[in-house]
């Protein structure tokens, strides 16, 4: 079985960490037959941590895990910290192939997505209005 492990930084705000869980669940709708399931994990400030999430994938039957860093830039976390945590997970699961995909911000589609976000704001679909209209 093949798994995607969506990895985010983690936050002290539970709501922010829940957004990562929701995104991982949404990703399930796009797997087709390329992957079998999606799990999520955090570098810090949220559970499960990356090595724990790799363990979860292995217990679910994954023989190959593709870690997808949900980061916008290739800073220290993407270059050093996430790979270090992946290595810890590999040591616990030597029979599982674990590889890291490129980080989110490396994709050209991000530029188009950002323009679309700006367009939505111009058309009155403002995030703050939507999110806080019930307060």
N, C-alpha and C. Protein backbone atom coordinates (compact mmCIF):
# COMPACT_ATOMS: atom_id res chain seq x y z
N UNK A 1 0.84 -1.18 0.00
CA UNK A 1 0.00 0.00 0.00
C UNK A 1 0.88 1.24 0.00
N UNK A 2 0.37 2.28 -0.65
CA UNK A 2 1.09 3.55 -0.72
C UNK A 2 0.31 4.63 0.02
N UNK A 3 1.04 5.41 0.83
CA UNK A 3 0.41 6.46 1.63
C UNK A 3 1.04 7.81 1.35
N UNK A 4 0.25 8.84 1.54
CA UNK A 4 0.75 10.21 1.58
C UNK A 4 0.73 10.63 3.04
N UNK A 5 1.83 11.22 3.48
CA UNK A 5 1.89 11.80 4.81
C UNK A 5 2.03 13.31 4.65
N UNK A 6 0.96 14.03 4.93
CA UNK A 6 0.95 15.49 4.86
C UNK A 6 1.56 16.02 6.14
N UNK A 7 2.66 16.77 6.01
CA UNK A 7 3.39 17.26 7.17
C UNK A 7 3.33 18.78 7.22
N UNK A 8 2.88 19.28 8.36
CA UNK A 8 2.81 20.73 8.59
C UNK A 8 3.67 21.07 9.81
N UNK A 9 3.84 22.36 10.02
CA UNK A 9 4.66 22.82 11.14
C UNK A 9 4.03 22.44 12.47
N UNK A 10 2.74 22.73 12.63
CA UNK A 10 2.06 22.56 13.91
C UNK A 10 1.88 23.92 14.57
N UNK A 11 0.87 24.02 15.40
CA UNK A 11 0.52 25.29 16.02
C UNK A 11 0.05 25.07 17.44
N UNK A 12 0.19 26.10 18.25
CA UNK A 12 -0.38 26.06 19.60
C UNK A 12 -1.90 26.15 19.55
N UNK A 13 -2.42 26.65 18.42
CA UNK A 13 -3.86 26.76 18.25
C UNK A 13 -4.40 25.44 17.72
N UNK A 14 -5.25 24.80 18.48
CA UNK A 14 -5.83 23.51 18.09
C UNK A 14 -6.56 23.64 16.76
N UNK A 15 -7.25 24.77 16.55
CA UNK A 15 -8.01 24.97 15.31
C UNK A 15 -7.11 24.90 14.09
N UNK A 16 -5.91 25.45 14.20
CA UNK A 16 -4.97 25.43 13.07
C UNK A 16 -4.54 24.00 12.76
N UNK A 17 -4.28 23.22 13.78
CA UNK A 17 -3.89 21.83 13.56
C UNK A 17 -5.05 21.03 12.98
N UNK A 18 -6.27 21.36 13.40
CA UNK A 18 -7.45 20.68 12.86
C UNK A 18 -7.61 20.95 11.36
N UNK A 19 -7.20 22.14 10.91
CA UNK A 19 -7.27 22.45 9.47
C UNK A 19 -6.41 21.48 8.67
N UNK A 20 -5.29 21.07 9.22
CA UNK A 20 -4.41 20.11 8.53
C UNK A 20 -5.11 18.75 8.44
N UNK A 21 -5.76 18.35 9.49
CA UNK A 21 -6.52 17.10 9.48
C UNK A 21 -7.63 17.14 8.44
N UNK A 22 -8.34 18.26 8.37
CA UNK A 22 -9.41 18.41 7.39
C UNK A 22 -8.85 18.36 5.97
N UNK A 23 -7.71 19.02 5.74
CA UNK A 23 -7.08 18.99 4.42
C UNK A 23 -6.68 17.56 4.04
N UNK A 24 -6.12 16.82 4.98
CA UNK A 24 -5.73 15.43 4.70
C UNK A 24 -6.96 14.62 4.29
N UNK A 25 -8.07 14.84 4.97
CA UNK A 25 -9.30 14.14 4.61
C UNK A 25 -9.80 14.54 3.22
N UNK A 26 -9.70 15.83 2.89
CA UNK A 26 -10.11 16.28 1.55
C UNK A 26 -9.23 15.66 0.48
N UNK A 27 -7.95 15.49 0.78
CA UNK A 27 -7.02 14.91 -0.19
C UNK A 27 -7.43 13.49 -0.59
N UNK A 28 -8.11 12.80 0.30
CA UNK A 28 -8.56 11.44 0.01
C UNK A 28 -9.42 11.39 -1.25
N UNK A 29 -10.14 12.48 -1.54
CA UNK A 29 -11.00 12.54 -2.72
C UNK A 29 -10.22 12.61 -4.03
N UNK A 30 -8.92 12.85 -3.97
CA UNK A 30 -8.12 13.05 -5.17
C UNK A 30 -7.08 11.95 -5.40
N UNK A 31 -7.10 10.91 -4.60
CA UNK A 31 -6.06 9.88 -4.69
C UNK A 31 -6.16 9.01 -5.92
N UNK A 32 -7.36 8.75 -6.39
CA UNK A 32 -7.52 7.80 -7.49
C UNK A 32 -6.92 6.48 -7.08
N UNK A 33 -6.17 5.86 -7.98
CA UNK A 33 -5.49 4.61 -7.61
C UNK A 33 -3.99 4.82 -7.43
N UNK A 34 -3.59 6.08 -7.31
CA UNK A 34 -2.16 6.38 -7.14
C UNK A 34 -1.67 6.14 -5.71
N UNK A 35 -2.56 6.41 -4.73
CA UNK A 35 -2.23 6.21 -3.32
C UNK A 35 -3.44 5.56 -2.64
N UNK A 36 -3.19 4.93 -1.51
CA UNK A 36 -4.27 4.24 -0.80
C UNK A 36 -4.89 5.07 0.32
N UNK A 37 -4.09 5.91 0.96
CA UNK A 37 -4.64 6.73 2.03
C UNK A 37 -3.72 7.91 2.33
N UNK A 38 -4.27 8.85 3.13
CA UNK A 38 -3.53 10.05 3.55
C UNK A 38 -3.57 10.11 5.07
N UNK A 39 -2.43 10.35 5.65
CA UNK A 39 -2.32 10.66 7.08
C UNK A 39 -1.69 12.04 7.20
N UNK A 40 -1.64 12.56 8.39
CA UNK A 40 -1.01 13.86 8.62
C UNK A 40 -0.14 13.78 9.86
N UNK A 41 0.82 14.69 9.93
CA UNK A 41 1.69 14.76 11.09
C UNK A 41 2.29 16.16 11.18
N UNK A 42 2.93 16.42 12.32
CA UNK A 42 3.46 17.76 12.58
C UNK A 42 4.92 17.71 12.98
N UNK A 43 5.63 18.75 12.61
CA UNK A 43 7.02 18.90 13.00
C UNK A 43 7.10 19.16 14.50
N UNK A 44 6.23 20.03 14.98
CA UNK A 44 6.19 20.36 16.40
C UNK A 44 4.83 20.98 16.74
N UNK A 45 4.54 21.11 17.99
CA UNK A 45 3.35 21.81 18.50
C UNK A 45 2.02 21.14 18.17
N UNK A 46 2.04 19.98 17.59
CA UNK A 46 0.82 19.25 17.28
C UNK A 46 1.11 17.77 17.21
N UNK A 47 0.11 16.96 17.42
CA UNK A 47 0.27 15.52 17.37
C UNK A 47 -0.58 14.95 16.25
N UNK A 48 -0.15 13.88 15.63
CA UNK A 48 1.08 13.15 15.90
C UNK A 48 2.29 13.86 15.30
N UNK A 49 3.44 13.66 15.94
CA UNK A 49 4.69 14.14 15.37
C UNK A 49 5.04 13.27 14.16
N UNK A 50 5.96 13.73 13.35
CA UNK A 50 6.30 13.04 12.10
C UNK A 50 6.65 11.56 12.32
N UNK A 51 7.56 11.22 13.24
CA UNK A 51 7.86 9.79 13.41
C UNK A 51 6.64 8.97 13.82
N UNK A 52 5.78 9.54 14.67
CA UNK A 52 4.56 8.85 15.07
C UNK A 52 3.63 8.65 13.88
N UNK A 53 3.54 9.66 13.02
CA UNK A 53 2.68 9.56 11.84
C UNK A 53 3.20 8.49 10.87
N UNK A 54 4.51 8.38 10.76
CA UNK A 54 5.10 7.31 9.93
C UNK A 54 4.74 5.95 10.52
N UNK A 55 4.80 5.84 11.85
CA UNK A 55 4.38 4.60 12.51
C UNK A 55 2.92 4.28 12.20
N UNK A 56 2.06 5.29 12.24
CA UNK A 56 0.64 5.09 11.95
C UNK A 56 0.45 4.56 10.53
N UNK A 57 1.16 5.18 9.58
CA UNK A 57 1.07 4.72 8.18
C UNK A 57 1.51 3.27 8.06
N UNK A 58 2.62 2.93 8.72
CA UNK A 58 3.13 1.55 8.66
C UNK A 58 2.12 0.58 9.27
N UNK A 59 1.52 0.96 10.39
CA UNK A 59 0.53 0.08 11.03
C UNK A 59 -0.72 -0.09 10.17
N UNK A 60 -0.99 0.91 9.33
CA UNK A 60 -2.14 0.80 8.40
C UNK A 60 -1.79 -0.02 7.17
N UNK A 61 -0.53 -0.44 7.05
CA UNK A 61 -0.14 -1.32 5.96
C UNK A 61 0.66 -0.68 4.85
N UNK A 62 1.10 0.56 5.04
CA UNK A 62 1.87 1.22 3.98
C UNK A 62 3.24 0.58 3.82
N UNK A 63 3.60 0.28 2.59
CA UNK A 63 4.94 -0.19 2.29
C UNK A 63 5.77 0.96 1.70
N UNK A 64 5.07 2.02 1.25
CA UNK A 64 5.74 3.21 0.73
C UNK A 64 4.98 4.44 1.23
N UNK A 65 5.72 5.39 1.78
CA UNK A 65 5.13 6.63 2.30
C UNK A 65 5.80 7.80 1.59
N UNK A 66 4.98 8.65 1.00
CA UNK A 66 5.49 9.88 0.41
C UNK A 66 5.11 11.03 1.34
N UNK A 67 6.12 11.65 1.93
CA UNK A 67 5.92 12.77 2.84
C UNK A 67 5.81 14.04 2.00
N UNK A 68 4.70 14.76 2.20
CA UNK A 68 4.46 16.01 1.47
C UNK A 68 4.54 17.17 2.46
N UNK A 69 5.61 17.96 2.40
CA UNK A 69 5.74 19.09 3.32
C UNK A 69 4.78 20.23 2.94
N UNK A 70 3.91 20.56 3.86
CA UNK A 70 2.92 21.62 3.67
C UNK A 70 3.54 22.93 4.16
N UNK A 71 4.60 23.35 3.44
CA UNK A 71 5.36 24.56 3.77
C UNK A 71 5.48 25.40 2.51
N UNK A 72 5.52 26.71 2.67
CA UNK A 72 5.58 27.61 1.52
C UNK A 72 6.99 27.92 1.05
N UNK A 73 7.96 27.77 1.91
CA UNK A 73 9.33 28.08 1.47
C UNK A 73 10.30 27.04 2.00
N UNK A 74 11.46 26.98 1.36
CA UNK A 74 12.47 25.97 1.68
C UNK A 74 13.43 26.49 2.74
N UNK A 75 12.89 26.78 3.91
CA UNK A 75 13.72 27.22 5.03
C UNK A 75 14.31 26.04 5.78
N UNK A 76 14.75 26.33 6.98
CA UNK A 76 15.39 25.32 7.83
C UNK A 76 14.50 24.10 8.05
N UNK A 77 13.22 24.33 8.25
CA UNK A 77 12.34 23.19 8.52
C UNK A 77 12.30 22.21 7.36
N UNK A 78 12.18 22.74 6.14
CA UNK A 78 12.11 21.87 4.96
C UNK A 78 13.45 21.23 4.65
N UNK A 79 14.52 21.98 4.81
CA UNK A 79 15.84 21.48 4.44
C UNK A 79 16.47 20.57 5.50
N UNK A 80 16.20 20.86 6.78
CA UNK A 80 16.91 20.13 7.85
C UNK A 80 15.96 19.39 8.79
N UNK A 81 15.01 20.11 9.36
CA UNK A 81 14.21 19.54 10.45
C UNK A 81 13.27 18.41 10.01
N UNK A 82 12.53 18.62 8.93
CA UNK A 82 11.61 17.58 8.47
C UNK A 82 12.39 16.32 8.05
N UNK A 83 13.45 16.44 7.25
CA UNK A 83 14.21 15.22 6.92
C UNK A 83 14.76 14.49 8.15
N UNK A 84 15.18 15.25 9.15
CA UNK A 84 15.68 14.63 10.38
C UNK A 84 14.59 13.82 11.08
N UNK A 85 13.38 14.34 11.12
CA UNK A 85 12.26 13.64 11.75
C UNK A 85 11.82 12.44 10.91
N UNK A 86 11.90 12.58 9.59
CA UNK A 86 11.59 11.44 8.72
C UNK A 86 12.57 10.30 8.99
N UNK A 87 13.82 10.64 9.17
CA UNK A 87 14.83 9.61 9.43
C UNK A 87 14.51 8.86 10.72
N UNK A 88 14.04 9.55 11.73
CA UNK A 88 13.62 8.88 12.98
C UNK A 88 12.51 7.88 12.69
N UNK A 89 11.56 8.28 11.86
CA UNK A 89 10.47 7.38 11.49
C UNK A 89 10.94 6.19 10.69
N UNK A 90 11.95 6.40 9.84
CA UNK A 90 12.53 5.30 9.05
C UNK A 90 13.17 4.26 9.96
N UNK A 91 13.86 4.73 10.98
CA UNK A 91 14.54 3.81 11.90
C UNK A 91 13.55 2.89 12.60
N UNK A 92 12.36 3.41 12.91
CA UNK A 92 11.32 2.60 13.56
C UNK A 92 10.64 1.65 12.60
N UNK A 93 10.77 1.92 11.29
CA UNK A 93 10.04 1.15 10.27
C UNK A 93 10.98 0.82 9.11
N UNK A 94 11.98 -0.03 9.34
CA UNK A 94 12.99 -0.28 8.32
C UNK A 94 12.47 -0.96 7.05
N UNK A 95 11.31 -1.59 7.13
CA UNK A 95 10.76 -2.28 5.95
C UNK A 95 9.87 -1.38 5.11
N UNK A 96 9.72 -0.13 5.53
CA UNK A 96 8.86 0.81 4.81
C UNK A 96 9.73 1.83 4.07
N UNK A 97 9.44 2.03 2.79
CA UNK A 97 10.14 3.04 1.99
C UNK A 97 9.50 4.39 2.29
N UNK A 98 10.31 5.35 2.72
CA UNK A 98 9.81 6.69 3.03
C UNK A 98 10.61 7.69 2.21
N UNK A 99 9.89 8.49 1.42
CA UNK A 99 10.55 9.52 0.62
C UNK A 99 9.85 10.85 0.85
N UNK A 100 10.57 11.93 0.61
CA UNK A 100 10.00 13.26 0.80
C UNK A 100 9.80 13.93 -0.55
N UNK A 101 8.58 14.39 -0.79
CA UNK A 101 8.27 15.15 -2.00
C UNK A 101 8.77 16.59 -1.81
N UNK A 102 8.70 17.36 -2.87
CA UNK A 102 9.06 18.77 -2.76
C UNK A 102 8.00 19.49 -1.94
N UNK A 103 8.35 20.63 -1.38
CA UNK A 103 7.43 21.38 -0.53
C UNK A 103 6.40 22.14 -1.37
N UNK A 104 5.29 22.48 -0.75
CA UNK A 104 4.16 23.12 -1.44
C UNK A 104 4.56 24.36 -2.22
N UNK A 105 5.32 25.23 -1.60
CA UNK A 105 5.67 26.50 -2.23
C UNK A 105 6.54 26.38 -3.47
N UNK A 106 7.07 25.20 -3.74
CA UNK A 106 7.91 25.00 -4.93
C UNK A 106 7.09 24.89 -6.21
N UNK A 107 5.78 24.72 -6.08
CA UNK A 107 4.91 24.47 -7.24
C UNK A 107 4.54 25.77 -7.95
N UNK A 108 4.60 25.76 -9.28
CA UNK A 108 4.22 26.94 -10.07
C UNK A 108 2.74 27.30 -9.89
N UNK A 109 1.92 26.30 -9.60
CA UNK A 109 0.49 26.56 -9.44
C UNK A 109 0.17 27.50 -8.28
N UNK A 110 1.10 27.66 -7.37
CA UNK A 110 0.89 28.56 -6.22
C UNK A 110 0.65 29.99 -6.70
N UNK A 111 1.38 30.43 -7.71
CA UNK A 111 1.20 31.80 -8.22
C UNK A 111 -0.23 32.01 -8.70
N UNK A 112 -0.76 31.05 -9.45
CA UNK A 112 -2.13 31.16 -9.95
C UNK A 112 -3.13 31.13 -8.79
N UNK A 113 -2.90 30.27 -7.82
CA UNK A 113 -3.78 30.19 -6.66
C UNK A 113 -3.81 31.51 -5.89
N UNK A 114 -2.66 32.14 -5.73
CA UNK A 114 -2.61 33.43 -5.02
C UNK A 114 -3.36 34.52 -5.76
N UNK A 115 -3.26 34.51 -7.08
CA UNK A 115 -4.03 35.48 -7.88
C UNK A 115 -5.52 35.21 -7.70
N UNK A 116 -5.93 33.94 -7.70
CA UNK A 116 -7.34 33.61 -7.49
C UNK A 116 -7.83 34.07 -6.12
N UNK A 117 -6.99 33.94 -5.11
CA UNK A 117 -7.37 34.43 -3.78
C UNK A 117 -7.60 35.93 -3.80
N UNK A 118 -6.73 36.65 -4.50
CA UNK A 118 -6.89 38.10 -4.62
C UNK A 118 -8.17 38.45 -5.37
N UNK A 119 -8.45 37.70 -6.43
CA UNK A 119 -9.68 37.93 -7.20
C UNK A 119 -10.91 37.71 -6.33
N UNK A 120 -10.90 36.66 -5.53
CA UNK A 120 -12.03 36.40 -4.64
C UNK A 120 -12.22 37.54 -3.66
N UNK A 121 -11.15 38.10 -3.19
CA UNK A 121 -11.23 39.24 -2.27
C UNK A 121 -11.85 40.44 -2.97
N UNK A 122 -11.45 40.67 -4.23
CA UNK A 122 -11.99 41.79 -5.01
C UNK A 122 -13.48 41.62 -5.29
N UNK A 123 -13.93 40.37 -5.38
CA UNK A 123 -15.34 40.13 -5.71
C UNK A 123 -16.21 40.04 -4.45
N UNK A 124 -15.66 40.41 -3.31
CA UNK A 124 -16.45 40.43 -2.09
C UNK A 124 -16.45 39.12 -1.32
N UNK A 125 -15.65 38.16 -1.75
CA UNK A 125 -15.59 36.87 -1.05
C UNK A 125 -14.42 36.90 -0.06
N UNK A 126 -14.37 37.92 0.74
CA UNK A 126 -13.28 38.15 1.67
C UNK A 126 -13.26 37.10 2.77
N UNK A 127 -12.10 36.57 3.06
CA UNK A 127 -11.92 35.54 4.08
C UNK A 127 -12.41 36.01 5.44
N UNK A 128 -12.01 37.21 5.83
CA UNK A 128 -12.40 37.71 7.15
C UNK A 128 -13.91 37.85 7.25
N UNK A 129 -14.55 38.32 6.19
CA UNK A 129 -16.01 38.45 6.20
C UNK A 129 -16.66 37.08 6.35
N UNK A 130 -16.15 36.10 5.60
CA UNK A 130 -16.72 34.76 5.66
C UNK A 130 -16.50 34.11 7.01
N UNK A 131 -15.29 34.20 7.50
CA UNK A 131 -14.92 33.49 8.72
C UNK A 131 -15.55 34.07 9.97
N UNK A 132 -15.70 35.38 10.00
CA UNK A 132 -16.15 36.02 11.24
C UNK A 132 -17.55 36.63 11.13
N UNK A 133 -18.28 36.30 10.10
CA UNK A 133 -19.60 36.88 9.92
C UNK A 133 -20.59 36.39 10.98
N UNK A 134 -20.31 35.25 11.60
CA UNK A 134 -21.23 34.70 12.60
C UNK A 134 -20.91 35.16 14.02
N UNK A 135 -19.91 35.99 14.19
CA UNK A 135 -19.54 36.44 15.54
C UNK A 135 -20.38 37.58 16.01
